[in-house]
């Protein structure tokens, strides 16, 4: 798919341009993700959308195209924690401003 008709629709000027509908936005993002769209056309489309302001239909169409290409999300299975639970349990936060705890008793 070429993005030229969509760029033309967005950039016609005051009173003659229009926003993309959800289907057009989905097709545009599909072409971008597939790599079949020219880089110049991608830049022109995104610049015009940013200048005019993105609509809900355009964003929803982009999301639809991305979701269609993503596989199901599976969380990583890891038994390693970035921080051990025991080291976090020993940490004490500093006193809040206005609290009655003194700074000397806030940490062990």
PDB file of N, CA and C in Angstrom:
ATOM      1  N   UNK A   1       0.839  -1.181   0.000  1.00  0.00           N
ATOM      2  CA  UNK A   1       0.000   0.000   0.000  1.00  0.00           C
ATOM      3  C   UNK A   1       0.881   1.240   0.000  1.00  0.00           C
ATOM      4  N   UNK A   2       0.501   2.213  -0.776  1.00  0.00           N
ATOM      5  CA  UNK A   2       1.207   3.485  -0.771  1.00  0.00           C
ATOM      6  C   UNK A   2       0.490   4.459   0.161  1.00  0.00           C
ATOM      7  N   UNK A   3       1.251   5.276   0.827  1.00  0.00           N
ATOM      8  CA  UNK A   3       0.674   6.236   1.773  1.00  0.00           C
ATOM      9  C   UNK A   3       0.331   7.567   1.120  1.00  0.00           C
ATOM     10  N   UNK A   4       0.641   7.727  -0.159  1.00  0.00           N
ATOM     11  CA  UNK A   4       0.427   9.010  -0.837  1.00  0.00           C
ATOM     12  C   UNK A   4      -1.026   9.496  -0.763  1.00  0.00           C
ATOM     13  N   UNK A   5      -2.041   8.658  -1.004  1.00  0.00           N
ATOM     14  CA  UNK A   5      -3.414   9.161  -0.906  1.00  0.00           C
ATOM     15  C   UNK A   5      -3.775   9.634   0.500  1.00  0.00           C
ATOM     16  N   UNK A   6      -3.207   8.983   1.494  1.00  0.00           N
ATOM     17  CA  UNK A   6      -3.497   9.388   2.873  1.00  0.00           C
ATOM     18  C   UNK A   6      -2.793  10.701   3.216  1.00  0.00           C
ATOM     19  N   UNK A   7      -1.575  10.847   2.749  1.00  0.00           N
ATOM     20  CA  UNK A   7      -0.847  12.114   2.963  1.00  0.00           C
ATOM     21  C   UNK A   7      -1.584  13.237   2.258  1.00  0.00           C
ATOM     22  N   UNK A   8      -2.068  12.972   1.053  1.00  0.00           N
ATOM     23  CA  UNK A   8      -2.817  13.980   0.302  1.00  0.00           C
ATOM     24  C   UNK A   8      -4.100  14.373   1.037  1.00  0.00           C
ATOM     25  N   UNK A   9      -4.799  13.394   1.612  1.00  0.00           N
ATOM     26  CA  UNK A   9      -6.039  13.687   2.339  1.00  0.00           C
ATOM     27  C   UNK A   9      -5.776  14.525   3.586  1.00  0.00           C
ATOM     28  N   UNK A  10      -4.674  14.251   4.261  1.00  0.00           N
ATOM     29  CA  UNK A  10      -4.354  15.005   5.479  1.00  0.00           C
ATOM     30  C   UNK A  10      -3.817  16.399   5.185  1.00  0.00           C
ATOM     31  N   UNK A  11      -3.134  16.567   4.075  1.00  0.00           N
ATOM     32  CA  UNK A  11      -2.416  17.818   3.832  1.00  0.00           C
ATOM     33  C   UNK A  11      -3.013  18.710   2.774  1.00  0.00           C
ATOM     34  N   UNK A  12      -4.290  18.636   2.508  1.00  0.00           N
ATOM     35  CA  UNK A  12      -4.909  19.464   1.464  1.00  0.00           C
ATOM     36  C   UNK A  12      -5.013  20.937   1.818  1.00  0.00           C
ATOM     37  N   UNK A  13      -4.964  21.248   3.067  1.00  0.00           N
ATOM     38  CA  UNK A  13      -5.059  22.644   3.454  1.00  0.00           C
ATOM     39  C   UNK A  13      -6.330  22.915   4.240  1.00  0.00           C
ATOM     40  N   UNK A  14      -6.464  24.151   4.717  1.00  0.00           N
ATOM     41  CA  UNK A  14      -7.618  24.494   5.552  1.00  0.00           C
ATOM     42  C   UNK A  14      -8.942  24.295   4.810  1.00  0.00           C
ATOM     43  N   UNK A  15      -9.858  23.623   5.459  1.00  0.00           N
ATOM     44  CA  UNK A  15     -11.191  23.435   4.902  1.00  0.00           C
ATOM     45  C   UNK A  15     -11.320  22.280   3.932  1.00  0.00           C
ATOM     46  N   UNK A  16     -10.230  21.747   3.432  1.00  0.00           N
ATOM     47  CA  UNK A  16     -10.322  20.661   2.455  1.00  0.00           C
ATOM     48  C   UNK A  16      -9.703  19.365   2.961  1.00  0.00           C
ATOM     49  N   UNK A  17      -8.894  19.428   4.009  1.00  0.00           N
ATOM     50  CA  UNK A  17      -8.264  18.213   4.524  1.00  0.00           C
ATOM     51  C   UNK A  17      -9.226  17.499   5.470  1.00  0.00           C
ATOM     52  N   UNK A  18      -8.903  16.262   5.757  1.00  0.00           N
ATOM     53  CA  UNK A  18      -9.744  15.478   6.661  1.00  0.00           C
ATOM     54  C   UNK A  18      -8.858  14.540   7.471  1.00  0.00           C
ATOM     55  N   UNK A  19      -9.412  14.007   8.543  1.00  0.00           N
ATOM     56  CA  UNK A  19      -8.702  13.022   9.357  1.00  0.00           C
ATOM     57  C   UNK A  19      -8.867  11.640   8.740  1.00  0.00           C
ATOM     58  N   UNK A  20      -7.992  10.728   9.130  1.00  0.00           N
ATOM     59  CA  UNK A  20      -8.106   9.350   8.676  1.00  0.00           C
ATOM     60  C   UNK A  20      -9.180   8.639   9.485  1.00  0.00           C
ATOM     61  N   UNK A  21      -9.897   7.724   8.841  1.00  0.00           N
ATOM     62  CA  UNK A  21     -10.810   6.890   9.624  1.00  0.00           C
ATOM     63  C   UNK A  21     -10.017   5.700  10.162  1.00  0.00           C
ATOM     64  N   UNK A  22     -10.664   4.889  10.965  1.00  0.00           N
ATOM     65  CA  UNK A  22      -9.978   3.792  11.628  1.00  0.00           C
ATOM     66  C   UNK A  22      -9.392   2.797  10.634  1.00  0.00           C
ATOM     67  N   UNK A  23     -10.125   2.488   9.574  1.00  0.00           N
ATOM     68  CA  UNK A  23      -9.652   1.524   8.579  1.00  0.00           C
ATOM     69  C   UNK A  23      -8.414   2.055   7.846  1.00  0.00           C
ATOM     70  N   UNK A  24      -8.440   3.326   7.458  1.00  0.00           N
ATOM     71  CA  UNK A  24      -7.283   3.913   6.772  1.00  0.00           C
ATOM     72  C   UNK A  24      -6.055   3.932   7.679  1.00  0.00           C
ATOM     73  N   UNK A  25      -6.265   4.281   8.944  1.00  0.00           N
ATOM     74  CA  UNK A  25      -5.145   4.312   9.885  1.00  0.00           C
ATOM     75  C   UNK A  25      -4.584   2.904  10.098  1.00  0.00           C
ATOM     76  N   UNK A  26      -5.462   1.897  10.171  1.00  0.00           N
ATOM     77  CA  UNK A  26      -5.006   0.516  10.328  1.00  0.00           C
ATOM     78  C   UNK A  26      -4.176   0.084   9.123  1.00  0.00           C
ATOM     79  N   UNK A  27      -4.639   0.411   7.924  1.00  0.00           N
ATOM     80  CA  UNK A  27      -3.898   0.052   6.709  1.00  0.00           C
ATOM     81  C   UNK A  27      -2.560   0.787   6.623  1.00  0.00           C
ATOM     82  N   UNK A  28      -2.552   2.045   7.058  1.00  0.00           N
ATOM     83  CA  UNK A  28      -1.307   2.816   7.041  1.00  0.00           C
ATOM     84  C   UNK A  28      -0.290   2.219   7.997  1.00  0.00           C
ATOM     85  N   UNK A  29      -0.721   1.894   9.206  1.00  0.00           N
ATOM     86  CA  UNK A  29       0.207   1.309  10.177  1.00  0.00           C
ATOM     87  C   UNK A  29       0.647  -0.077   9.730  1.00  0.00           C
ATOM     88  N   UNK A  30      -0.219  -0.829   9.094  1.00  0.00           N
ATOM     89  CA  UNK A  30       0.174  -2.142   8.573  1.00  0.00           C
ATOM     90  C   UNK A  30       1.278  -1.988   7.533  1.00  0.00           C
ATOM     91  N   UNK A  31       1.161  -1.007   6.662  1.00  0.00           N
ATOM     92  CA  UNK A  31       2.197  -0.768   5.654  1.00  0.00           C
ATOM     93  C   UNK A  31       3.499  -0.333   6.306  1.00  0.00           C
ATOM     94  N   UNK A  32       3.402   0.473   7.350  1.00  0.00           N
ATOM     95  CA  UNK A  32       4.605   0.927   8.061  1.00  0.00           C
ATOM     96  C   UNK A  32       5.287  -0.262   8.735  1.00  0.00           C
ATOM     97  N   UNK A  33       4.511  -1.093   9.413  1.00  0.00           N
ATOM     98  CA  UNK A  33       5.090  -2.233  10.126  1.00  0.00           C
ATOM     99  C   UNK A  33       5.638  -3.289   9.181  1.00  0.00           C
ATOM    100  N   UNK A  34       5.003  -3.452   8.026  1.00  0.00           N
ATOM    101  CA  UNK A  34       5.475  -4.422   7.044  1.00  0.00           C
ATOM    102  C   UNK A  34       6.723  -3.940   6.309  1.00  0.00           C
ATOM    103  N   UNK A  35       7.008  -2.648   6.377  1.00  0.00           N
ATOM    104  CA  UNK A  35       8.161  -2.091   5.686  1.00  0.00           C
ATOM    105  C   UNK A  35       7.901  -1.787   4.225  1.00  0.00           C
ATOM    106  N   UNK A  36       6.628  -1.823   3.808  1.00  0.00           N
ATOM    107  CA  UNK A  36       6.322  -1.571   2.403  1.00  0.00           C
ATOM    108  C   UNK A  36       6.112  -0.086   2.097  1.00  0.00           C
ATOM    109  N   UNK A  37       6.045   0.746   3.111  1.00  0.00           N
ATOM    110  CA  UNK A  37       5.857   2.184   2.907  1.00  0.00           C
ATOM    111  C   UNK A  37       7.216   2.872   2.806  1.00  0.00           C
ATOM    112  N   UNK A  38       7.306   3.845   1.924  1.00  0.00           N
ATOM    113  CA  UNK A  38       8.545   4.608   1.764  1.00  0.00           C
ATOM    114  C   UNK A  38       8.812   5.433   3.024  1.00  0.00           C
ATOM    115  N   UNK A  39      10.066   5.530   3.448  1.00  0.00           N
ATOM    116  CA  UNK A  39      10.382   6.306   4.645  1.00  0.00           C
ATOM    117  C   UNK A  39       9.934   7.761   4.560  1.00  0.00           C
ATOM    118  N   UNK A  40      10.016   8.340   3.377  1.00  0.00           N
ATOM    119  CA  UNK A  40       9.585   9.733   3.209  1.00  0.00           C
ATOM    120  C   UNK A  40       8.078   9.865   3.431  1.00  0.00           C
ATOM    121  N   UNK A  41       7.318   8.891   2.936  1.00  0.00           N
ATOM    122  CA  UNK A  41       5.870   8.919   3.108  1.00  0.00           C
ATOM    123  C   UNK A  41       5.490   8.711   4.570  1.00  0.00           C
ATOM    124  N   UNK A  42       6.217   7.852   5.251  1.00  0.00           N
ATOM    125  CA  UNK A  42       5.959   7.630   6.678  1.00  0.00           C
ATOM    126  C   UNK A  42       6.207   8.925   7.451  1.00  0.00           C
ATOM    127  N   UNK A  43       7.320   9.575   7.160  1.00  0.00           N
ATOM    128  CA  UNK A  43       7.631  10.843   7.824  1.00  0.00           C
ATOM    129  C   UNK A  43       6.587  11.906   7.538  1.00  0.00           C
ATOM    130  N   UNK A  44       6.138  11.997   6.289  1.00  0.00           N
ATOM    131  CA  UNK A  44       5.125  12.997   5.935  1.00  0.00           C
ATOM    132  C   UNK A  44       3.804  12.708   6.639  1.00  0.00           C
ATOM    133  N   UNK A  45       3.404  11.440   6.665  1.00  0.00           N
ATOM    134  CA  UNK A  45       2.141  11.068   7.315  1.00  0.00           C
ATOM    135  C   UNK A  45       2.181  11.379   8.802  1.00  0.00           C
ATOM    136  N   UNK A  46       3.236  10.959   9.465  1.00  0.00           N
ATOM    137  CA  UNK A  46       3.326  11.191  10.908  1.00  0.00           C
ATOM    138  C   UNK A  46       3.470  12.664  11.245  1.00  0.00           C
ATOM    139  N   UNK A  47       4.189  13.411  10.421  1.00  0.00           N
ATOM    140  CA  UNK A  47       4.333  14.848  10.662  1.00  0.00           C
ATOM    141  C   UNK A  47       2.991  15.555  10.516  1.00  0.00           C
ATOM    142  N   UNK A  48       2.238  15.209   9.472  1.00  0.00           N
ATOM    143  CA  UNK A  48       0.922  15.827   9.285  1.00  0.00           C
ATOM    144  C   UNK A  48      -0.038  15.461  10.412  1.00  0.00           C
ATOM    145  N   UNK A  49       0.003  14.206  10.842  1.00  0.00           N
ATOM    146  CA  UNK A  49      -0.873  13.801  11.950  1.00  0.00           C
ATOM    147  C   UNK A  49      -0.504  14.547  13.223  1.00  0.00           C
ATOM    148  N   UNK A  50       0.777  14.721  13.469  1.00  0.00           N
ATOM    149  CA  UNK A  50       1.210  15.439  14.667  1.00  0.00           C
ATOM    150  C   UNK A  50       0.827  16.910  14.593  1.00  0.00           C
ATOM    151  N   UNK A  51       0.959  17.502  13.433  1.00  0.00           N
ATOM    152  CA  UNK A  51       0.623  18.914  13.250  1.00  0.00           C
ATOM    153  C   UNK A  51      -0.873  19.144  13.460  1.00  0.00           C
ATOM    154  N   UNK A  52      -1.676  18.272  12.907  1.00  0.00           N
ATOM    155  CA  UNK A  52      -3.133  18.421  12.999  1.00  0.00           C
ATOM    156  C   UNK A  52      -3.680  17.942  14.332  1.00  0.00           C
ATOM    157  N   UNK A  53      -2.984  17.027  14.964  1.00  0.00           N
ATOM    158  CA  UNK A  53      -3.461  16.401  16.197  1.00  0.00           C
ATOM    159  C   UNK A  53      -4.081  15.050  15.867  1.00  0.00           C
ATOM    160  N   UNK A  54      -3.676  14.037  16.574  1.00  0.00           N
ATOM    161  CA  UNK A  54      -4.173  12.692  16.319  1.00  0.00           C
ATOM    162  C   UNK A  54      -5.594  12.556  16.848  1.00  0.00           C
ATOM    163  N   UNK A  55      -6.427  11.853  16.114  1.00  0.00           N
ATOM    164  CA  UNK A  55      -7.801  11.612  16.562  1.00  0.00           C
ATOM    165  C   UNK A  55      -7.877  10.225  17.190  1.00  0.00           C
ATOM    166  N   UNK A  56      -8.963   9.979  17.879  1.00  0.00           N
ATOM    167  CA  UNK A  56      -9.163   8.682  18.498  1.00  0.00           C
ATOM    168  C   UNK A  56      -9.229   7.557  17.483  1.00  0.00           C
ATOM    169  N   UNK A  57      -9.875   7.803  16.343  1.00  0.00           N
ATOM    170  CA  UNK A  57      -9.961   6.780  15.300  1.00  0.00           C
ATOM    171  C   UNK A  57      -8.585   6.445  14.730  1.00  0.00           C
ATOM    172  N   UNK A  58      -7.747   7.449  14.569  1.00  0.00           N
ATOM    173  CA  UNK A  58      -6.399   7.198  14.040  1.00  0.00           C
ATOM    174  C   UNK A  58      -5.574   6.364  15.016  1.00  0.00           C
ATOM    175  N   UNK A  59      -5.619   6.716  16.268  1.00  0.00           N
ATOM    176  CA  UNK A  59      -4.863   5.966  17.271  1.00  0.00           C
ATOM    177  C   UNK A  59      -5.403   4.544  17.391  1.00  0.00           C
ATOM    178  N   UNK A  60      -6.734   4.409  17.383  1.00  0.00           N
ATOM    179  CA  UNK A  60      -7.338   3.069  17.473  1.00  0.00           C
ATOM    180  C   UNK A  60      -6.957   2.212  16.271  1.00  0.00           C
ATOM    181  N   UNK A  61      -6.916   2.795  15.083  1.00  0.00           N
ATOM    182  CA  UNK A  61      -6.498   2.054  13.902  1.00  0.00           C
ATOM    183  C   UNK A  61      -5.053   1.614  13.982  1.00  0.00           C
ATOM    184  N   UNK A  62      -4.183   2.473  14.508  1.00  0.00           N
ATOM    185  CA  UNK A  62      -2.774   2.109  14.690  1.00  0.00           C
ATOM    186  C   UNK A  62      -2.651   0.950  15.683  1.00  0.00           C
ATOM    187  N   UNK A  63      -3.411   1.016  16.755  1.00  0.00           N
ATOM    188  CA  UNK A  63      -3.372  -0.039  17.768  1.00  0.00           C
ATOM    189  C   UNK A  63      -3.889  -1.350  17.179  1.00  0.00           C
ATOM    190  N   UNK A  64      -4.955  -1.284  16.392  1.00  0.00           N
ATOM    191  CA  UNK A  64      -5.491  -2.490  15.756  1.00  0.00           C
ATOM    192  C   UNK A  64      -4.430  -3.182  14.899  1.00  0.00           C
ATOM    193  N   UNK A  65      -3.695  -2.396  14.117  1.00  0.00           N
ATOM    194  CA  UNK A  65      -2.667  -2.962  13.246  1.00  0.00           C
ATOM    195  C   UNK A  65      -1.536  -3.580  14.064  1.00  0.00           C
ATOM    196  N   UNK A  66      -1.143  -2.927  15.149  1.00  0.00           N
ATOM    197  CA  UNK A  66      -0.065  -3.469  15.972  1.00  0.00           C
ATOM    198  C   UNK A  66      -0.507  -4.740  16.683  1.00  0.00           C
ATOM    199  N   UNK A  67      -1.718  -4.752  17.182  1.00  0.00           N
ATOM    200  CA  UNK A  67      -2.213  -5.956  17.863  1.00  0.00           C
ATOM    201  C   UNK A  67      -2.343  -7.133  16.911  1.00  0.00           C
ATOM    202  N   UNK A  68      -2.686  -6.869  15.661  1.00  0.00           N
ATOM    203  CA  UNK A  68      -2.825  -7.947  14.681  1.00  0.00           C
ATOM    204  C   UNK A  68      -1.479  -8.612  14.386  1.00  0.00           C
ATOM    205  N   UNK A  69      -0.379  -7.889  14.595  1.00  0.00           N
ATOM    206  CA  UNK A  69       0.938  -8.426  14.279  1.00  0.00           C
ATOM    207  C   UNK A  69       1.683  -8.974  15.483  1.00  0.00           C
ATOM    208  N   UNK A  70       1.178  -8.712  16.663  1.00  0.00           N
ATOM    209  CA  UNK A  70       1.839  -9.207  17.870  1.00  0.00           C
ATOM    210  C   UNK A  70       1.294 -10.574  18.241  1.00  0.00           C
ATOM    211  N   UNK A  71       2.157 -11.413  18.735  1.00  0.00           N
ATOM    212  CA  UNK A  71       1.717 -12.692  19.253  1.00  0.00           C
ATOM    213  C   UNK A  71       1.155 -12.506  20.652  1.00  0.00           C
ATOM    214  N   UNK A  72       0.636 -13.567  21.221  1.00  0.00           N
ATOM    215  CA  UNK A  72       0.124 -13.441  22.590  1.00  0.00           C
ATOM    216  C   UNK A  72       1.266 -13.143  23.556  1.00  0.00           C
ATOM    217  N   UNK A  73       0.987 -12.306  24.519  1.00  0.00           N
ATOM    218  CA  UNK A  73       2.003 -11.913  25.489  1.00  0.00           C
ATOM    219  C   UNK A  73       2.146 -13.000  26.540  1.00  0.00           C
ATOM    220  N   UNK A  74       3.372 -13.396  26.766  1.00  0.00           N
ATOM    221  CA  UNK A  74       3.661 -14.367  27.815  1.00  0.00           C
ATOM    222  C   UNK A  74       4.712 -13.758  28.733  1.00  0.00           C
ATOM    223  N   UNK A  75       4.430 -13.688  30.016  1.00  0.00           N
ATOM    224  CA  UNK A  75       5.432 -13.123  30.922  1.00  0.00           C
ATOM    225  C   UNK A  75       6.656 -14.028  30.997  1.00  0.00           C
ATOM    226  N   UNK A  76       7.782 -13.418  31.238  1.00  0.00           N
ATOM    227  CA  UNK A  76       9.024 -14.178  31.362  1.00  0.00           C
ATOM    228  C   UNK A  76       8.987 -14.996  32.646  1.00  0.00           C
ATOM    229  N   UNK A  77       9.415 -16.220  32.552  1.00  0.00           N
ATOM    230  CA  UNK A  77       9.455 -17.076  33.736  1.00  0.00           C
ATOM    231  C   UNK A  77      10.883 -17.087  34.261  1.00  0.00           C
ATOM    232  N   UNK A  78      11.050 -16.410  35.359  1.00  0.00           N
ATOM    233  CA  UNK A  78      12.381 -16.314  35.941  1.00  0.00           C
ATOM    234  C   UNK A  78      12.264 -16.454  37.445  1.00  0.00           C
ATOM    235  N   UNK A  79      13.155 -17.198  38.023  1.00  0.00           N
ATOM    236  CA  UNK A  79      13.160 -17.344  39.475  1.00  0.00           C
ATOM    237  C   UNK A  79      14.097 -16.330  40.121  1.00  0.00           C
ATOM    238  N   UNK A  80      14.749 -15.525  39.314  1.00  0.00           N
ATOM    239  CA  UNK A  80      15.698 -14.552  39.850  1.00  0.00           C
ATOM    240  C   UNK A  80      15.000 -13.219  40.067  1.00  0.00           C
ATOM    241  N   UNK A  81      15.145 -12.677  41.230  1.00  0.00           N
ATOM    242  CA  UNK A  81      14.593 -11.373  41.560  1.00  0.00           C
ATOM    243  C   UNK A  81      15.697 -10.336  41.416  1.00  0.00           C
ATOM    244  N   UNK A  82      15.372  -9.130  40.935  1.00  0.00           N
ATOM    245  CA  UNK A  82      16.419  -8.107  40.827  1.00  0.00           C
ATOM    246  C   UNK A  82      16.935  -7.666  42.186  1.00  0.00           C
ATOM    247  N   UNK A  83      16.077  -7.721  43.200  1.00  0.00           N
ATOM    248  CA  UNK A  83      16.478  -7.350  44.561  1.00  0.00           C
ATOM    249  C   UNK A  83      15.993  -8.476  45.462  1.00  0.00           C
ATOM    250  N   UNK A  84      16.838  -8.941  46.353  1.00  0.00           N
ATOM    251  CA  UNK A  84      16.391 -10.022  47.228  1.00  0.00           C
ATOM    252  C   UNK A  84      15.365  -9.478  48.212  1.00  0.00           C
ATOM    253  N   UNK A  85      14.350 -10.249  48.531  1.00  0.00           N
ATOM    254  CA  UNK A  85      13.307  -9.773  49.446  1.00  0.00           C
ATOM    255  C   UNK A  85      13.842  -9.415  50.816  1.00  0.00           C
ATOM    256  N   UNK A  86      14.889 -10.082  51.276  1.00  0.00           N
ATOM    257  CA  UNK A  86      15.398  -9.780  52.612  1.00  0.00           C
ATOM    258  C   UNK A  86      16.091  -8.431  52.663  1.00  0.00           C
ATOM    259  N   UNK A  87      16.778  -8.036  51.609  1.00  0.00           N
ATOM    260  CA  UNK A  87      17.450  -6.741  51.632  1.00  0.00           C
ATOM    261  C   UNK A  87      16.437  -5.602  51.626  1.00  0.00           C
ATOM    262  N   UNK A  88      15.322  -5.793  50.952  1.00  0.00           N
ATOM    263  CA  UNK A  88      14.290  -4.761  50.925  1.00  0.00           C
ATOM    264  C   UNK A  88      13.590  -4.664  52.281  1.00  0.00           C
ATOM    265  N   UNK A  89      13.441  -5.774  52.980  1.00  0.00           N
ATOM    266  CA  UNK A  89      12.745  -5.771  54.266  1.00  0.00           C
ATOM    267  C   UNK A  89      13.550  -5.014  55.318  1.00  0.00           C
ATOM    268  N   UNK A  90      14.876  -5.004  55.201  1.00  0.00           N
ATOM    269  CA  UNK A  90      15.695  -4.308  56.185  1.00  0.00           C
ATOM    270  C   UNK A  90      15.737  -2.805  55.975  1.00  0.00           C
ATOM    271  N   UNK A  91      15.389  -2.346  54.789  1.00  0.00           N
ATOM    272  CA  UNK A  91      15.485  -0.926  54.498  1.00  0.00           C
ATOM    273  C   UNK A  91      14.343  -0.179  55.148  1.00  0.00           C
ATOM    274  N   UNK A  92      14.651   0.888  55.812  1.00  0.00           N
ATOM    275  CA  UNK A  92      13.643   1.725  56.458  1.00  0.00           C
ATOM    276  C   UNK A  92      13.646   3.089  55.785  1.00  0.00           C
ATOM    277  N   UNK A  93      12.481   3.611  55.545  1.00  0.00           N
ATOM    278  CA  UNK A  93      12.377   4.910  54.883  1.00  0.00           C
ATOM    279  C   UNK A  93      12.663   6.025  55.873  1.00  0.00           C
ATOM    280  N   UNK A  94      13.129   7.171  55.382  1.00  0.00           N
ATOM    281  CA  UNK A  94      13.351   8.319  56.264  1.00  0.00           C
ATOM    282  C   UNK A  94      12.017   8.845  56.759  1.00  0.00           C
ATOM    283  N   UNK A  95      12.022   9.563  57.870  1.00  0.00           N
ATOM    284  CA  UNK A  95      10.758  10.063  58.407  1.00  0.00           C
ATOM    285  C   UNK A  95      10.124  11.100  57.475  1.00  0.00           C
ATOM    286  N   UNK A  96       8.842  11.126  57.464  1.00  0.00           N
ATOM    287  CA  UNK A  96       8.103  12.107  56.677  1.00  0.00           C
ATOM    288  C   UNK A  96       8.183  13.459  57.373  1.00  0.00           C
ATOM    289  N   UNK A  97       8.181  14.552  56.612  1.00  0.00           N
ATOM    290  CA  UNK A  97       8.191  15.870  57.250  1.00  0.00           C
ATOM    291  C   UNK A  97       6.985  16.029  58.163  1.00  0.00           C
ATOM    292  N   UNK A  98       7.240  16.484  59.358  1.00  0.00           N
ATOM    293  CA  UNK A  98       6.157  16.715  60.312  1.00  0.00           C
ATOM    294  C   UNK A  98       5.831  15.501  61.158  1.00  0.00           C
ATOM    295  N   UNK A  99       6.528  14.368  60.954  1.00  0.00           N
ATOM    296  CA  UNK A  99       6.241  13.182  61.766  1.00  0.00           C
ATOM    297  C   UNK A  99       6.969  13.292  63.094  1.00  0.00           C
ATOM    298  N   UNK A 100       6.565  12.472  64.031  1.00  0.00           N
ATOM    299  CA  UNK A 100       7.183  12.517  65.364  1.00  0.00           C
ATOM    300  C   UNK A 100       8.392  11.608  65.474  1.00  0.00           C
ATOM    301  N   UNK A 101       8.637  10.755  64.482  1.00  0.00           N
ATOM    302  CA  UNK A 101       9.821   9.895  64.500  1.00  0.00           C
ATOM    303  C   UNK A 101      11.080  10.728  64.295  1.00  0.00           C
ATOM    304  N   UNK A 102      12.115  10.411  64.994  1.00  0.00           N
ATOM    305  CA  UNK A 102      13.368  11.129  64.778  1.00  0.00           C
ATOM    306  C   UNK A 102      14.163  10.445  63.684  1.00  0.00           C
ATOM    307  N   UNK A 103      15.083  11.157  63.101  1.00  0.00           N
ATOM    308  CA  UNK A 103      15.898  10.636  62.003  1.00  0.00           C
ATOM    309  C   UNK A 103      16.802   9.500  62.489  1.00  0.00           C
ATOM    310  N   UNK A 104      17.208   9.525  63.759  1.00  0.00           N
ATOM    311  CA  UNK A 104      18.113   8.499  64.262  1.00  0.00           C
ATOM    312  C   UNK A 104      17.420   7.135  64.389  1.00  0.00           C
ATOM    313  N   UNK A 105      16.105   7.114  64.555  1.00  0.00           N
ATOM    314  CA  UNK A 105      15.392   5.838  64.691  1.00  0.00           C
ATOM    315  C   UNK A 105      14.791   5.375  63.386  1.00  0.00           C
ATOM    316  N   UNK A 106      14.981   6.129  62.321  1.00  0.00           N
ATOM    317  CA  UNK A 106      14.347   5.751  61.055  1.00  0.00           C
ATOM    318  C   UNK A 106      15.105   4.666  60.321  1.00  0.00           C
ATOM    319  N   UNK A 107      16.404   4.511  60.612  1.00  0.00           N
ATOM    320  CA  UNK A 107      17.204   3.472  59.943  1.00  0.00           C
ATOM    321  C   UNK A 107      17.920   2.637  60.988  1.00  0.00           C
ATOM    322  N   UNK A 108      18.097   1.382  60.699  1.00  0.00           N
ATOM    323  CA  UNK A 108      18.821   0.518  61.615  1.00  0.00           C
ATOM    324  C   UNK A 108      20.165   0.185  61.067  1.00  0.00           C
TER     325      UNK A 108
END
